[in-house]
């Protein structure tokens, strides 16, 4: 089964998805509202983040690589034959598993009020990136060699 997977395609898809995530959580896009909603002023990142950031970034990339691999394996097993099918299956996977898990986090682990504006902003920014990641990997799967 895994011999059907082109490792360079998975790696390239993971790198592209990771770079989009880097932009997603940067000042260019959603960093400010996301951090404010989390109650994070950024001060702890200035002191502790410098030494922790390389480890966090490495773990984040490893996570993105694993997700990319799983998405590509699933798309291969399903046997998608068009770009639209690839994107639809990716959305099904994302909404069926990731969005539902993150929604449970919103319900049960966020600070009260669980339906408050801040919890919703964090949820929407995080979910937005996950949807983008799944769609990027699915599109890269379609366009890169398989």
Protein backbone atom coordinates (compact mmCIF):
# COMPACT_ATOMS: atom_id res chain seq x y z
CA UNK A 1 0.00 0.00 0.00
CA UNK A 2 2.69 2.52 0.97
CA UNK A 3 4.72 1.65 -2.11
CA UNK A 4 2.05 3.51 -4.09
CA UNK A 5 2.97 6.75 -2.31
CA UNK A 6 5.54 9.04 -3.88
CA UNK A 7 7.63 10.25 -0.88
CA UNK A 8 8.77 13.47 -2.57
CA UNK A 9 5.17 14.43 -3.25
CA UNK A 10 4.32 13.96 0.42
CA UNK A 11 7.36 15.96 1.50
CA UNK A 12 6.67 18.81 -0.93
CA UNK A 13 2.99 18.92 0.08
CA UNK A 14 3.98 19.03 3.76
CA UNK A 15 6.49 21.84 3.18
CA UNK A 16 3.94 23.92 1.26
CA UNK A 17 1.24 23.30 3.90
CA UNK A 18 3.71 24.17 6.68
CA UNK A 19 4.69 27.42 4.97
CA UNK A 20 1.02 28.35 4.60
CA UNK A 21 0.63 27.64 8.33
CA UNK A 22 3.59 29.87 9.04
CA UNK A 23 1.87 32.68 7.14
CA UNK A 24 -1.53 31.83 8.63
CA UNK A 25 -0.30 32.42 12.20
CA UNK A 26 1.92 35.39 11.27
CA UNK A 27 1.19 39.11 11.60
CA UNK A 28 0.33 39.08 7.89
CA UNK A 29 -2.88 37.15 8.54
CA UNK A 30 -4.27 35.94 11.87
CA UNK A 31 -1.57 36.22 14.56
CA UNK A 32 -2.96 39.30 16.30
CA UNK A 33 -6.63 38.26 16.65
CA UNK A 34 -5.60 34.67 17.47
CA UNK A 35 -3.19 35.72 20.22
CA UNK A 36 -5.59 38.29 21.64
CA UNK A 37 -8.38 35.72 21.74
CA UNK A 38 -6.07 33.33 23.59
CA UNK A 39 -5.20 36.06 26.10
CA UNK A 40 -1.56 35.97 24.98
CA UNK A 41 0.26 39.28 24.97
CA UNK A 42 3.33 37.76 23.34
CA UNK A 43 5.63 38.62 26.23
CA UNK A 44 6.30 35.00 27.17
CA UNK A 45 7.31 34.27 23.57
CA UNK A 46 9.86 37.04 23.64
CA UNK A 47 11.65 35.52 26.62
CA UNK A 48 10.98 31.77 26.50
CA UNK A 49 10.06 31.43 22.86
CA UNK A 50 13.51 32.07 21.44
CA UNK A 51 14.92 28.87 22.91
CA UNK A 52 11.70 26.85 22.57
CA UNK A 53 10.75 27.96 19.05
CA UNK A 54 13.11 25.63 17.12
CA UNK A 55 11.68 22.62 18.97
CA UNK A 56 8.10 23.82 18.49
CA UNK A 57 8.70 24.41 14.78
CA UNK A 58 10.30 20.96 14.36
CA UNK A 59 7.39 19.23 16.10
CA UNK A 60 4.94 21.31 14.07
CA UNK A 61 6.59 20.26 10.82
CA UNK A 62 6.67 16.60 11.90
CA UNK A 63 2.95 16.86 12.63
CA UNK A 64 2.26 18.46 9.24
CA UNK A 65 4.34 15.78 7.51
CA UNK A 66 2.39 13.00 9.25
CA UNK A 67 -0.94 14.59 8.37
CA UNK A 68 0.17 15.02 4.76
CA UNK A 69 1.24 11.39 4.59
CA UNK A 70 -2.08 10.19 6.03
CA UNK A 71 -4.08 12.35 3.62
CA UNK A 72 -2.08 11.10 0.62
CA UNK A 73 -2.44 7.47 1.71
CA UNK A 74 -6.19 7.91 2.10
CA UNK A 75 -6.55 9.64 -1.27
CA UNK A 76 -4.56 6.83 -2.87
CA UNK A 77 -6.63 4.11 -1.21
CA UNK A 78 -9.89 5.78 -2.24
CA UNK A 79 -8.56 6.07 -5.78
CA UNK A 80 -9.59 9.63 -6.56
CA UNK A 81 -9.37 10.37 -10.26
CA UNK A 82 -10.01 14.13 -10.46
CA UNK A 83 -8.86 17.23 -8.63
CA UNK A 84 -12.43 17.86 -7.47
CA UNK A 85 -12.68 14.37 -5.98
CA UNK A 86 -9.37 14.88 -4.22
CA UNK A 87 -10.56 18.14 -2.68
CA UNK A 88 -13.94 16.67 -1.71
CA UNK A 89 -12.35 13.69 0.04
CA UNK A 90 -9.93 16.02 1.84
CA UNK A 91 -12.83 18.16 3.06
CA UNK A 92 -14.70 15.08 4.20
CA UNK A 93 -11.66 13.92 6.18
CA UNK A 94 -11.08 17.35 7.66
CA UNK A 95 -14.68 18.02 8.66
CA UNK A 96 -15.30 14.42 9.71
CA UNK A 97 -12.32 14.21 12.04
CA UNK A 98 -10.38 17.42 12.64
CA UNK A 99 -13.23 19.92 12.84
CA UNK A 100 -15.26 17.65 15.11
CA UNK A 101 -12.31 17.11 17.46
CA UNK A 102 -11.52 20.82 17.56
CA UNK A 103 -15.21 21.55 18.19
CA UNK A 104 -15.14 19.18 21.16
CA UNK A 105 -12.10 21.11 22.40
CA UNK A 106 -14.18 24.29 22.10
CA UNK A 107 -16.99 22.69 24.10
CA UNK A 108 -15.05 20.94 26.82
CA UNK A 109 -11.57 22.40 27.21
CA UNK A 110 -11.81 26.10 26.39
CA UNK A 111 -12.16 28.54 29.23
CA UNK A 112 -15.71 29.64 29.97
CA UNK A 113 -17.69 31.05 28.37
CA UNK A 114 -17.27 28.25 25.85
CA UNK A 115 -19.38 30.07 23.29
CA UNK A 116 -17.67 33.37 23.97
CA UNK A 117 -16.17 35.46 21.23
CA UNK A 118 -12.56 34.62 22.15
CA UNK A 119 -13.10 30.85 22.09
CA UNK A 120 -14.86 31.15 18.74
CA UNK A 121 -12.02 33.23 17.24
CA UNK A 122 -9.41 30.68 18.32
CA UNK A 123 -11.57 27.86 16.96
CA UNK A 124 -12.16 29.59 13.61
CA UNK A 125 -8.51 30.55 13.07
CA UNK A 126 -7.30 27.06 13.97
CA UNK A 127 -9.95 25.32 11.89
CA UNK A 128 -9.36 27.65 8.98
CA UNK A 129 -5.74 26.56 8.87
CA UNK A 130 -6.64 22.87 9.12
CA UNK A 131 -9.07 23.19 6.22
CA UNK A 132 -6.41 25.02 4.20
CA UNK A 133 -3.83 22.32 5.05
CA UNK A 134 -6.10 19.49 3.90
CA UNK A 135 -7.02 21.29 0.68
CA UNK A 136 -3.39 22.17 -0.06
CA UNK A 137 -2.23 18.60 0.45
CA UNK A 138 -5.10 17.26 -1.67
CA UNK A 139 -4.29 19.72 -4.47
CA UNK A 140 -0.58 18.94 -4.26
CA UNK A 141 -1.42 15.23 -4.38
CA UNK A 142 -3.24 15.83 -7.62
CA UNK A 143 -0.58 18.01 -9.27
CA UNK A 144 2.61 16.27 -8.08
CA UNK A 145 3.84 12.91 -9.38
CA UNK A 146 2.13 9.91 -7.82
